[in-house]
Amino acid sequence: MVIPSPVRPPRITQFLKPYVLRMHFTNKYVSAQVIHTPTATVASSASSQEKALRSSLEIKRDVAAAAKIGKLLAECLLLKDIAAVSVHLKREQKYHGKVKAVIDSLRDAGVMLL
């Protein structure tokens, strides 16, 4: 059974940014995903758990791993013709360390940040 995505009233969707970047950091892994807000679906995601990155990453949770995740995510976004993304940071996340590495690598790869 397929459950349809929630439909939001038009007055709310006028003010939402279409694509939002969310990052999640654990003690073992780094992951980031871009969510299409009006349909509440994941447009693209990247994680240090992926098979393509396992061999190239020595440590899967440091700043270098976060930079590679951002670069991989940017390549996926540009392949899907998503040129701009807004950043959503949680209350405890600051623009420093791993968060900065992901955002800067996205910006360097050609994705505009809103």
PDB file of N, CA and C in Angstrom:
ATOM      1  N   MET A   1       0.831  -1.166   0.000  1.00  0.00           N
ATOM      2  CA  MET A   1       0.000   0.000   0.000  1.00  0.00           C
ATOM      3  C   MET A   1       0.889   1.248   0.000  1.00  0.00           C
ATOM      4  N   VAL A   2       0.634   2.143  -0.905  1.00  0.00           N
ATOM      5  CA  VAL A   2       1.422   3.371  -1.019  1.00  0.00           C
ATOM      6  C   VAL A   2       0.689   4.504  -0.330  1.00  0.00           C
ATOM      7  N   ILE A   3       1.382   5.145   0.572  1.00  0.00           N
ATOM      8  CA  ILE A   3       0.794   6.280   1.289  1.00  0.00           C
ATOM      9  C   ILE A   3       1.227   7.554   0.574  1.00  0.00           C
ATOM     10  N   PRO A   4       0.282   8.383   0.131  1.00  0.00           N
ATOM     11  CA  PRO A   4       0.663   9.615  -0.574  1.00  0.00           C
ATOM     12  C   PRO A   4       1.330  10.605   0.367  1.00  0.00           C
ATOM     13  N   SER A   5       2.167  11.450  -0.209  1.00  0.00           N
ATOM     14  CA  SER A   5       2.841  12.454   0.601  1.00  0.00           C
ATOM     15  C   SER A   5       1.838  13.499   1.063  1.00  0.00           C
ATOM     16  N   PRO A   6       2.113  14.131   2.199  1.00  0.00           N
ATOM     17  CA  PRO A   6       1.157  15.108   2.715  1.00  0.00           C
ATOM     18  C   PRO A   6       1.054  16.330   1.802  1.00  0.00           C
ATOM     19  N   VAL A   7      -0.159  16.795   1.617  1.00  0.00           N
ATOM     20  CA  VAL A   7      -0.396  17.967   0.779  1.00  0.00           C
ATOM     21  C   VAL A   7      -0.511  19.174   1.693  1.00  0.00           C
ATOM     22  N   ARG A   8       0.290  20.169   1.424  1.00  0.00           N
ATOM     23  CA  ARG A   8       0.276  21.370   2.251  1.00  0.00           C
ATOM     24  C   ARG A   8      -0.582  22.433   1.588  1.00  0.00           C
ATOM     25  N   PRO A   9      -1.218  23.268   2.383  1.00  0.00           N
ATOM     26  CA  PRO A   9      -2.007  24.343   1.798  1.00  0.00           C
ATOM     27  C   PRO A   9      -1.135  25.286   0.983  1.00  0.00           C
ATOM     28  N   PRO A  10      -1.680  25.914  -0.043  1.00  0.00           N
ATOM     29  CA  PRO A  10      -0.858  26.773  -0.899  1.00  0.00           C
ATOM     30  C   PRO A  10      -0.272  27.979  -0.174  1.00  0.00           C
ATOM     31  N   ARG A  11      -0.911  28.456   0.857  1.00  0.00           N
ATOM     32  CA  ARG A  11      -0.383  29.635   1.538  1.00  0.00           C
ATOM     33  C   ARG A  11       0.942  29.336   2.242  1.00  0.00           C
ATOM     34  N   ILE A  12       1.150  28.082   2.674  1.00  0.00           N
ATOM     35  CA  ILE A  12       2.396  27.722   3.332  1.00  0.00           C
ATOM     36  C   ILE A  12       3.491  27.459   2.309  1.00  0.00           C
ATOM     37  N   THR A  13       3.170  26.799   1.213  1.00  0.00           N
ATOM     38  CA  THR A  13       4.185  26.430   0.242  1.00  0.00           C
ATOM     39  C   THR A  13       4.756  27.642  -0.491  1.00  0.00           C
ATOM     40  N   GLN A  14       4.101  28.785  -0.450  1.00  0.00           N
ATOM     41  CA  GLN A  14       4.654  29.983  -1.074  1.00  0.00           C
ATOM     42  C   GLN A  14       5.918  30.442  -0.355  1.00  0.00           C
ATOM     43  N   PHE A  15       5.995  30.209   0.944  1.00  0.00           N
ATOM     44  CA  PHE A  15       7.095  30.730   1.734  1.00  0.00           C
ATOM     45  C   PHE A  15       8.194  29.701   1.993  1.00  0.00           C
ATOM     46  N   LEU A  16       7.980  28.445   1.592  1.00  0.00           N
ATOM     47  CA  LEU A  16       8.983  27.418   1.820  1.00  0.00           C
ATOM     48  C   LEU A  16      10.057  27.463   0.750  1.00  0.00           C
ATOM     49  N   LYS A  17      11.270  27.162   1.138  1.00  0.00           N
ATOM     50  CA  LYS A  17      12.349  27.010   0.169  1.00  0.00           C
ATOM     51  C   LYS A  17      12.173  25.629  -0.461  1.00  0.00           C
ATOM     52  N   PRO A  18      12.345  25.514  -1.774  1.00  0.00           N
ATOM     53  CA  PRO A  18      12.042  24.222  -2.403  1.00  0.00           C
ATOM     54  C   PRO A  18      12.970  23.082  -1.991  1.00  0.00           C
ATOM     55  N   TYR A  19      14.264  23.324  -1.868  1.00  0.00           N
ATOM     56  CA  TYR A  19      15.208  22.262  -1.514  1.00  0.00           C
ATOM     57  C   TYR A  19      15.981  22.670  -0.264  1.00  0.00           C
ATOM     58  N   VAL A  20      15.985  21.793   0.731  1.00  0.00           N
ATOM     59  CA  VAL A  20      16.611  22.086   2.015  1.00  0.00           C
ATOM     60  C   VAL A  20      17.672  21.030   2.303  1.00  0.00           C
ATOM     61  N   LEU A  21      18.859  21.472   2.703  1.00  0.00           N
ATOM     62  CA  LEU A  21      19.952  20.580   3.075  1.00  0.00           C
ATOM     63  C   LEU A  21      19.873  20.285   4.563  1.00  0.00           C
ATOM     64  N   ARG A  22      19.898  18.990   4.902  1.00  0.00           N
ATOM     65  CA  ARG A  22      19.934  18.575   6.299  1.00  0.00           C
ATOM     66  C   ARG A  22      21.125  17.656   6.501  1.00  0.00           C
ATOM     67  N   MET A  23      21.810  17.828   7.604  1.00  0.00           N
ATOM     68  CA  MET A  23      22.995  17.038   7.900  1.00  0.00           C
ATOM     69  C   MET A  23      22.804  16.305   9.218  1.00  0.00           C
ATOM     70  N   HIS A  24      23.372  15.113   9.286  1.00  0.00           N
ATOM     71  CA  HIS A  24      23.284  14.314  10.506  1.00  0.00           C
ATOM     72  C   HIS A  24      24.658  13.718  10.786  1.00  0.00           C
ATOM     73  N   PHE A  25      25.131  13.915  11.995  1.00  0.00           N
ATOM     74  CA  PHE A  25      26.444  13.437  12.396  1.00  0.00           C
ATOM     75  C   PHE A  25      26.298  12.497  13.589  1.00  0.00           C
ATOM     76  N   THR A  26      26.907  11.325  13.492  1.00  0.00           N
ATOM     77  CA  THR A  26      26.943  10.403  14.617  1.00  0.00           C
ATOM     78  C   THR A  26      28.403  10.200  15.013  1.00  0.00           C
ATOM     79  N   ASN A  27      28.635   9.355  15.995  1.00  0.00           N
ATOM     80  CA  ASN A  27      30.004   9.079  16.409  1.00  0.00           C
ATOM     81  C   ASN A  27      30.742   8.205  15.409  1.00  0.00           C
ATOM     82  N   LYS A  28      30.012   7.580  14.475  1.00  0.00           N
ATOM     83  CA  LYS A  28      30.636   6.703  13.485  1.00  0.00           C
ATOM     84  C   LYS A  28      30.567   7.250  12.066  1.00  0.00           C
ATOM     85  N   TYR A  29      29.485   7.948  11.706  1.00  0.00           N
ATOM     86  CA  TYR A  29      29.247   8.294  10.310  1.00  0.00           C
ATOM     87  C   TYR A  29      28.804   9.743  10.140  1.00  0.00           C
ATOM     88  N   VAL A  30      28.883  10.194   8.883  1.00  0.00           N
ATOM     89  CA  VAL A  30      28.408  11.509   8.480  1.00  0.00           C
ATOM     90  C   VAL A  30      27.407  11.293   7.349  1.00  0.00           C
ATOM     91  N   SER A  31      26.262  11.952   7.404  1.00  0.00           N
ATOM     92  CA  SER A  31      25.313  11.832   6.308  1.00  0.00           C
ATOM     93  C   SER A  31      24.652  13.189   6.068  1.00  0.00           C
ATOM     94  N   ALA A  32      24.270  13.401   4.816  1.00  0.00           N
ATOM     95  CA  ALA A  32      23.592  14.639   4.430  1.00  0.00           C
ATOM     96  C   ALA A  32      22.559  14.299   3.378  1.00  0.00           C
ATOM     97  N   GLN A  33      21.455  15.025   3.387  1.00  0.00           N
ATOM     98  CA  GLN A  33      20.429  14.802   2.386  1.00  0.00           C
ATOM     99  C   GLN A  33      19.761  16.120   2.031  1.00  0.00           C
ATOM    100  N   VAL A  34      19.252  16.172   0.817  1.00  0.00           N
ATOM    101  CA  VAL A  34      18.516  17.342   0.338  1.00  0.00           C
ATOM    102  C   VAL A  34      17.067  16.923   0.188  1.00  0.00           C
ATOM    103  N   ILE A  35      16.175  17.663   0.842  1.00  0.00           N
ATOM    104  CA  ILE A  35      14.755  17.330   0.864  1.00  0.00           C
ATOM    105  C   ILE A  35      13.990  18.326   0.013  1.00  0.00           C
ATOM    106  N   HIS A  36      13.105  17.808  -0.854  1.00  0.00           N
ATOM    107  CA  HIS A  36      12.204  18.657  -1.630  1.00  0.00           C
ATOM    108  C   HIS A  36      11.008  18.945  -0.735  1.00  0.00           C
ATOM    109  N   THR A  37      10.890  20.172  -0.259  1.00  0.00           N
ATOM    110  CA  THR A  37       9.938  20.519   0.778  1.00  0.00           C
ATOM    111  C   THR A  37       8.474  20.392   0.355  1.00  0.00           C
ATOM    112  N   PRO A  38       8.059  20.867  -0.807  1.00  0.00           N
ATOM    113  CA  PRO A  38       6.626  20.767  -1.132  1.00  0.00           C
ATOM    114  C   PRO A  38       6.095  19.335  -1.190  1.00  0.00           C
ATOM    115  N   THR A  39       6.911  18.394  -1.625  1.00  0.00           N
ATOM    116  CA  THR A  39       6.442  17.009  -1.702  1.00  0.00           C
ATOM    117  C   THR A  39       6.942  16.151  -0.549  1.00  0.00           C
ATOM    118  N   ALA A  40       7.798  16.688   0.300  1.00  0.00           N
ATOM    119  CA  ALA A  40       8.366  15.987   1.453  1.00  0.00           C
ATOM    120  C   ALA A  40       9.071  14.698   1.044  1.00  0.00           C
ATOM    121  N   THR A  41       9.859  14.769  -0.027  1.00  0.00           N
ATOM    122  CA  THR A  41      10.624  13.612  -0.488  1.00  0.00           C
ATOM    123  C   THR A  41      12.112  13.961  -0.492  1.00  0.00           C
ATOM    124  N   VAL A  42      12.949  12.941  -0.466  1.00  0.00           N
ATOM    125  CA  VAL A  42      14.386  13.132  -0.493  1.00  0.00           C
ATOM    126  C   VAL A  42      14.825  13.251  -1.946  1.00  0.00           C
ATOM    127  N   ALA A  43      15.404  14.381  -2.302  1.00  0.00           N
ATOM    128  CA  ALA A  43      15.868  14.591  -3.676  1.00  0.00           C
ATOM    129  C   ALA A  43      17.198  13.895  -3.907  1.00  0.00           C
ATOM    130  N   SER A  44      18.093  13.972  -2.939  1.00  0.00           N
ATOM    131  CA  SER A  44      19.393  13.336  -3.062  1.00  0.00           C
ATOM    132  C   SER A  44      19.996  13.183  -1.671  1.00  0.00           C
ATOM    133  N   SER A  45      20.845  12.168  -1.527  1.00  0.00           N
ATOM    134  CA  SER A  45      21.492  11.967  -0.233  1.00  0.00           C
ATOM    135  C   SER A  45      22.874  11.370  -0.437  1.00  0.00           C
ATOM    136  N   ALA A  46      23.720  11.555   0.573  1.00  0.00           N
ATOM    137  CA  ALA A  46      25.067  10.983   0.568  1.00  0.00           C
ATOM    138  C   ALA A  46      25.439  10.652   2.006  1.00  0.00           C
ATOM    139  N   SER A  47      26.196   9.580   2.153  1.00  0.00           N
ATOM    140  CA  SER A  47      26.584   9.149   3.484  1.00  0.00           C
ATOM    141  C   SER A  47      27.963   8.495   3.437  1.00  0.00           C
ATOM    142  N   SER A  48      28.637   8.496   4.566  1.00  0.00           N
ATOM    143  CA  SER A  48      29.941   7.836   4.619  1.00  0.00           C
ATOM    144  C   SER A  48      29.786   6.325   4.724  1.00  0.00           C
ATOM    145  N   GLN A  49      28.579   5.810   4.770  1.00  0.00           N
ATOM    146  CA  GLN A  49      28.318   4.381   4.803  1.00  0.00           C
ATOM    147  C   GLN A  49      28.219   3.775   3.405  1.00  0.00           C
ATOM    148  N   GLU A  50      28.205   4.605   2.362  1.00  0.00           N
ATOM    149  CA  GLU A  50      28.045   4.105   0.998  1.00  0.00           C
ATOM    150  C   GLU A  50      29.271   3.303   0.581  1.00  0.00           C
ATOM    151  N   LYS A  51      29.033   2.286  -0.240  1.00  0.00           N
ATOM    152  CA  LYS A  51      30.112   1.408  -0.672  1.00  0.00           C
ATOM    153  C   LYS A  51      31.158   2.149  -1.494  1.00  0.00           C
ATOM    154  N   ALA A  52      30.732   3.140  -2.271  1.00  0.00           N
ATOM    155  CA  ALA A  52      31.676   3.885  -3.112  1.00  0.00           C
ATOM    156  C   ALA A  52      32.691   4.663  -2.273  1.00  0.00           C
ATOM    157  N   LEU A  53      32.304   5.078  -1.085  1.00  0.00           N
ATOM    158  CA  LEU A  53      33.190   5.887  -0.244  1.00  0.00           C
ATOM    159  C   LEU A  53      33.935   5.082   0.809  1.00  0.00           C
ATOM    160  N   ARG A  54      33.506   3.879   1.099  1.00  0.00           N
ATOM    161  CA  ARG A  54      34.136   3.108   2.177  1.00  0.00           C
ATOM    162  C   ARG A  54      35.630   2.895   1.957  1.00  0.00           C
ATOM    163  N   SER A  55      35.998   2.570   0.727  1.00  0.00           N
ATOM    164  CA  SER A  55      37.411   2.283   0.475  1.00  0.00           C
ATOM    165  C   SER A  55      38.275   3.545   0.469  1.00  0.00           C
ATOM    166  N   SER A  56      37.699   4.682   0.066  1.00  0.00           N
ATOM    167  CA  SER A  56      38.493   5.902  -0.016  1.00  0.00           C
ATOM    168  C   SER A  56      38.600   6.644   1.317  1.00  0.00           C
ATOM    169  N   LEU A  57      37.732   6.341   2.258  1.00  0.00           N
ATOM    170  CA  LEU A  57      37.764   7.017   3.555  1.00  0.00           C
ATOM    171  C   LEU A  57      38.453   6.135   4.596  1.00  0.00           C
ATOM    172  N   GLU A  58      39.453   6.694   5.243  1.00  0.00           N
ATOM    173  CA  GLU A  58      40.121   5.957   6.312  1.00  0.00           C
ATOM    174  C   GLU A  58      39.301   6.061   7.595  1.00  0.00           C
ATOM    175  N   ILE A  59      38.894   7.288   7.933  1.00  0.00           N
ATOM    176  CA  ILE A  59      38.030   7.537   9.086  1.00  0.00           C
ATOM    177  C   ILE A  59      36.727   8.095   8.540  1.00  0.00           C
ATOM    178  N   LYS A  60      35.599   7.538   8.949  1.00  0.00           N
ATOM    179  CA  LYS A  60      34.311   7.865   8.354  1.00  0.00           C
ATOM    180  C   LYS A  60      33.552   8.967   9.094  1.00  0.00           C
ATOM    181  N   ARG A  61      34.185   9.624  10.055  1.00  0.00           N
ATOM    182  CA  ARG A  61      33.446  10.609  10.839  1.00  0.00           C
ATOM    183  C   ARG A  61      34.148  11.952  10.976  1.00  0.00           C
ATOM    184  N   ASP A  62      35.293  12.148  10.330  1.00  0.00           N
ATOM    185  CA  ASP A  62      36.051  13.375  10.535  1.00  0.00           C
ATOM    186  C   ASP A  62      35.684  14.439   9.491  1.00  0.00           C
ATOM    187  N   VAL A  63      36.405  15.544   9.529  1.00  0.00           N
ATOM    188  CA  VAL A  63      36.124  16.688   8.654  1.00  0.00           C
ATOM    189  C   VAL A  63      36.406  16.341   7.193  1.00  0.00           C
ATOM    190  N   ALA A  64      37.435  15.545   6.937  1.00  0.00           N
ATOM    191  CA  ALA A  64      37.740  15.145   5.556  1.00  0.00           C
ATOM    192  C   ALA A  64      36.616  14.296   4.969  1.00  0.00           C
ATOM    193  N   ALA A  65      36.036  13.423   5.782  1.00  0.00           N
ATOM    194  CA  ALA A  65      34.897  12.624   5.322  1.00  0.00           C
ATOM    195  C   ALA A  65      33.695  13.525   5.039  1.00  0.00           C
ATOM    196  N   ALA A  66      33.482  14.530   5.869  1.00  0.00           N
ATOM    197  CA  ALA A  66      32.367  15.458   5.656  1.00  0.00           C
ATOM    198  C   ALA A  66      32.552  16.238   4.360  1.00  0.00           C
ATOM    199  N   ALA A  67      33.787  16.614   4.048  1.00  0.00           N
ATOM    200  CA  ALA A  67      34.047  17.331   2.798  1.00  0.00           C
ATOM    201  C   ALA A  67      33.770  16.446   1.589  1.00  0.00           C
ATOM    202  N   LYS A  68      34.138  15.170   1.658  1.00  0.00           N
ATOM    203  CA  LYS A  68      33.862  14.258   0.548  1.00  0.00           C
ATOM    204  C   LYS A  68      32.368  14.014   0.391  1.00  0.00           C
ATOM    205  N   ILE A  69      31.648  13.955   1.490  1.00  0.00           N
ATOM    206  CA  ILE A  69      30.195  13.789   1.439  1.00  0.00           C
ATOM    207  C   ILE A  69      29.559  14.992   0.743  1.00  0.00           C
ATOM    208  N   GLY A  70      30.014  16.187   1.086  1.00  0.00           N
ATOM    209  CA  GLY A  70      29.492  17.389   0.441  1.00  0.00           C
ATOM    210  C   GLY A  70      29.784  17.418  -1.047  1.00  0.00           C
ATOM    211  N   LYS A  71      30.964  16.995  -1.429  1.00  0.00           N
ATOM    212  CA  LYS A  71      31.321  16.970  -2.854  1.00  0.00           C
ATOM    213  C   LYS A  71      30.478  15.954  -3.613  1.00  0.00           C
ATOM    214  N   LEU A  72      30.289  14.771  -3.036  1.00  0.00           N
ATOM    215  CA  LEU A  72      29.463  13.742  -3.670  1.00  0.00           C
ATOM    216  C   LEU A  72      28.011  14.188  -3.783  1.00  0.00           C
ATOM    217  N   LEU A  73      27.502  14.834  -2.742  1.00  0.00           N
ATOM    218  CA  LEU A  73      26.129  15.331  -2.762  1.00  0.00           C
ATOM    219  C   LEU A  73      25.958  16.412  -3.812  1.00  0.00           C
ATOM    220  N   ALA A  74      26.950  17.280  -3.959  1.00  0.00           N
ATOM    221  CA  ALA A  74      26.879  18.341  -4.967  1.00  0.00           C
ATOM    222  C   ALA A  74      26.855  17.759  -6.378  1.00  0.00           C
ATOM    223  N   GLU A  75      27.652  16.721  -6.627  1.00  0.00           N
ATOM    224  CA  GLU A  75      27.643  16.090  -7.943  1.00  0.00           C
ATOM    225  C   GLU A  75      26.282  15.483  -8.253  1.00  0.00           C
ATOM    226  N   CYS A  76      25.674  14.832  -7.264  1.00  0.00           N
ATOM    227  CA  CYS A  76      24.343  14.255  -7.464  1.00  0.00           C
ATOM    228  C   CYS A  76      23.293  15.333  -7.725  1.00  0.00           C
ATOM    229  N   LEU A  77      23.403  16.453  -7.009  1.00  0.00           N
ATOM    230  CA  LEU A  77      22.440  17.543  -7.195  1.00  0.00           C
ATOM    231  C   LEU A  77      22.577  18.168  -8.576  1.00  0.00           C
ATOM    232  N   LEU A  78      23.798  18.377  -9.026  1.00  0.00           N
ATOM    233  CA  LEU A  78      23.999  18.982 -10.338  1.00  0.00           C
ATOM    234  C   LEU A  78      23.559  18.048 -11.460  1.00  0.00           C
ATOM    235  N   LEU A  79      23.662  16.738 -11.259  1.00  0.00           N
ATOM    236  CA  LEU A  79      23.152  15.792 -12.253  1.00  0.00           C
ATOM    237  C   LEU A  79      21.629  15.846 -12.356  1.00  0.00           C
ATOM    238  N   LYS A  80      20.970  16.176 -11.238  1.00  0.00           N
ATOM    239  CA  LYS A  80      19.506  16.282 -11.224  1.00  0.00           C
ATOM    240  C   LYS A  80      19.015  17.688 -11.515  1.00  0.00           C
ATOM    241  N   ASP A  81      19.916  18.578 -11.952  1.00  0.00           N
ATOM    242  CA  ASP A  81      19.593  19.980 -12.288  1.00  0.00           C
ATOM    243  C   ASP A  81      19.031  20.753 -11.096  1.00  0.00           C
ATOM    244  N   ILE A  82      19.558  20.502  -9.923  1.00  0.00           N
ATOM    245  CA  ILE A  82      19.204  21.286  -8.735  1.00  0.00           C
ATOM    246  C   ILE A  82      20.387  22.199  -8.474  1.00  0.00           C
ATOM    247  N   ALA A  83      20.210  23.483  -8.750  1.00  0.00           N
ATOM    248  CA  ALA A  83      21.322  24.420  -8.684  1.00  0.00           C
ATOM    249  C   ALA A  83      21.397  25.191  -7.376  1.00  0.00           C
ATOM    250  N   ALA A  84      20.301  25.251  -6.614  1.00  0.00           N
ATOM    251  CA  ALA A  84      20.285  26.047  -5.389  1.00  0.00           C
ATOM    252  C   ALA A  84      19.642  25.249  -4.260  1.00  0.00           C
ATOM    253  N   VAL A  85      20.213  25.387  -3.066  1.00  0.00           N
ATOM    254  CA  VAL A  85      19.755  24.660  -1.886  1.00  0.00           C
ATOM    255  C   VAL A  85      19.797  25.616  -0.707  1.00  0.00           C
ATOM    256  N   SER A  86      18.785  25.555   0.148  1.00  0.00           N
ATOM    257  CA  SER A  86      18.865  26.320   1.387  1.00  0.00           C
ATOM    258  C   SER A  86      19.351  25.389   2.501  1.00  0.00           C
ATOM    259  N   VAL A  87      20.013  25.954   3.478  1.00  0.00           N
ATOM    260  CA  VAL A  87      20.637  25.168   4.540  1.00  0.00           C
ATOM    261  C   VAL A  87      19.784  25.259   5.793  1.00  0.00           C
ATOM    262  N   HIS A  88      19.490  24.103   6.383  1.00  0.00           N
ATOM    263  CA  HIS A  88      18.753  24.058   7.645  1.00  0.00           C
ATOM    264  C   HIS A  88      19.676  23.480   8.697  1.00  0.00           C
ATOM    265  N   LEU A  89      20.052  24.299   9.670  1.00  0.00           N
ATOM    266  CA  LEU A  89      20.903  23.850  10.759  1.00  0.00           C
ATOM    267  C   LEU A  89      20.064  23.661  12.015  1.00  0.00           C
ATOM    268  N   LYS A  90      20.340  22.590  12.726  1.00  0.00           N
ATOM    269  CA  LYS A  90      19.657  22.371  13.994  1.00  0.00           C
ATOM    270  C   LYS A  90      20.194  23.365  15.008  1.00  0.00           C
ATOM    271  N   ARG A  91      19.538  23.450  16.124  1.00  0.00           N
ATOM    272  CA  ARG A  91      19.911  24.436  17.137  1.00  0.00           C
ATOM    273  C   ARG A  91      21.346  24.233  17.639  1.00  0.00           C
ATOM    274  N   GLU A  92      21.760  22.974  17.789  1.00  0.00           N
ATOM    275  CA  GLU A  92      23.097  22.722  18.318  1.00  0.00           C
ATOM    276  C   GLU A  92      24.182  22.760  17.262  1.00  0.00           C
ATOM    277  N   GLN A  93      23.812  22.825  15.972  1.00  0.00           N
ATOM    278  CA  GLN A  93      24.804  22.869  14.903  1.00  0.00           C
ATOM    279  C   GLN A  93      25.251  24.301  14.649  1.00  0.00           C
ATOM    280  N   LYS A  94      26.549  24.493  14.608  1.00  0.00           N
ATOM    281  CA  LYS A  94      27.116  25.794  14.302  1.00  0.00           C
ATOM    282  C   LYS A  94      27.948  25.675  13.043  1.00  0.00           C
ATOM    283  N   TYR A  95      28.184  26.782  12.376  1.00  0.00           N
ATOM    284  CA  TYR A  95      28.969  26.783  11.144  1.00  0.00           C
ATOM    285  C   TYR A  95      30.440  26.632  11.508  1.00  0.00           C
ATOM    286  N   HIS A  96      30.807  25.390  11.813  1.00  0.00           N
ATOM    287  CA  HIS A  96      32.161  25.109  12.271  1.00  0.00           C
ATOM    288  C   HIS A  96      32.423  23.620  12.104  1.00  0.00           C
ATOM    289  N   GLY A  97      33.632  23.251  11.778  1.00  0.00           N
ATOM    290  CA  GLY A  97      34.022  21.852  11.721  1.00  0.00           C
ATOM    291  C   GLY A  97      33.383  21.091  10.566  1.00  0.00           C
ATOM    292  N   LYS A  98      32.670  20.009  10.886  1.00  0.00           N
ATOM    293  CA  LYS A  98      32.068  19.151   9.868  1.00  0.00           C
ATOM    294  C   LYS A  98      30.977  19.878   9.087  1.00  0.00           C
ATOM    295  N   VAL A  99      30.189  20.686   9.779  1.00  0.00           N
ATOM    296  CA  VAL A  99      29.123  21.442   9.108  1.00  0.00           C
ATOM    297  C   VAL A  99      29.727  22.383   8.078  1.00  0.00           C
ATOM    298  N   LYS A 100      30.775  23.073   8.452  1.00  0.00           N
ATOM    299  CA  LYS A 100      31.449  23.987   7.534  1.00  0.00           C
ATOM    300  C   LYS A 100      32.051  23.227   6.357  1.00  0.00           C
ATOM    301  N   ALA A 101      32.614  22.044   6.601  1.00  0.00           N
ATOM    302  CA  ALA A 101      33.217  21.252   5.530  1.00  0.00           C
ATOM    303  C   ALA A 101      32.177  20.838   4.496  1.00  0.00           C
ATOM    304  N   VAL A 102      31.005  20.391   4.943  1.00  0.00           N
ATOM    305  CA  VAL A 102      29.940  19.988   4.015  1.00  0.00           C
ATOM    306  C   VAL A 102      29.460  21.182   3.204  1.00  0.00           C
ATOM    307  N   ILE A 103      29.189  22.292   3.875  1.00  0.00           N
ATOM    308  CA  ILE A 103      28.638  23.466   3.192  1.00  0.00           C
ATOM    309  C   ILE A 103      29.658  24.066   2.232  1.00  0.00           C
ATOM    310  N   ASP A 104      30.912  24.158   2.639  1.00  0.00           N
ATOM    311  CA  ASP A 104      31.937  24.729   1.759  1.00  0.00           C
ATOM    312  C   ASP A 104      32.199  23.852   0.540  1.00  0.00           C
ATOM    313  N   SER A 105      32.179  22.542   0.703  1.00  0.00           N
ATOM    314  CA  SER A 105      32.390  21.675  -0.453  1.00  0.00           C
ATOM    315  C   SER A 105      31.209  21.725  -1.409  1.00  0.00           C
ATOM    316  N   LEU A 106      29.999  21.903  -0.892  1.00  0.00           N
ATOM    317  CA  LEU A 106      28.840  22.117  -1.766  1.00  0.00           C
ATOM    318  C   LEU A 106      29.020  23.403  -2.580  1.00  0.00           C
ATOM    319  N   ARG A 107      29.421  24.463  -1.889  1.00  0.00           N
ATOM    320  CA  ARG A 107      29.595  25.756  -2.532  1.00  0.00           C
ATOM    321  C   ARG A 107      30.722  25.713  -3.575  1.00  0.00           C
ATOM    322  N   ASP A 108      31.814  25.033  -3.254  1.00  0.00           N
ATOM    323  CA  ASP A 108      32.951  24.925  -4.186  1.00  0.00           C
ATOM    324  C   ASP A 108      32.605  24.114  -5.425  1.00  0.00           C
ATOM    325  N   ALA A 109      31.687  23.150  -5.279  1.00  0.00           N
ATOM    326  CA  ALA A 109      31.323  22.305  -6.414  1.00  0.00           C
ATOM    327  C   ALA A 109      30.324  22.975  -7.349  1.00  0.00           C
ATOM    328  N   GLY A 110      29.782  24.120  -6.952  1.00  0.00           N
ATOM    329  CA  GLY A 110      28.909  24.871  -7.860  1.00  0.00           C
ATOM    330  C   GLY A 110      27.454  24.954  -7.458  1.00  0.00           C
ATOM    331  N   VAL A 111      27.088  24.478  -6.276  1.00  0.00           N
ATOM    332  CA  VAL A 111      25.703  24.576  -5.815  1.00  0.00           C
ATOM    333  C   VAL A 111      25.550  25.895  -5.059  1.00  0.00           C
ATOM    334  N   MET A 112      24.542  26.682  -5.432  1.00  0.00           N
ATOM    335  CA  MET A 112      24.294  27.951  -4.746  1.00  0.00           C
ATOM    336  C   MET A 112      23.560  27.674  -3.436  1.00  0.00           C
ATOM    337  N   LEU A 113      23.891  28.420  -2.405  1.00  0.00           N
ATOM    338  CA  LEU A 113      23.230  28.289  -1.115  1.00  0.00           C
ATOM    339  C   LEU A 113      22.342  29.498  -0.868  1.00  0.00           C
ATOM    340  N   LEU A 114      21.112  29.249  -0.493  1.00  0.00           N
ATOM    341  CA  LEU A 114      20.155  30.336  -0.240  1.00  0.00           C
ATOM    342  C   LEU A 114      20.106  30.660   1.226  1.00  0.00           C
TER     343      LEU A 114
END
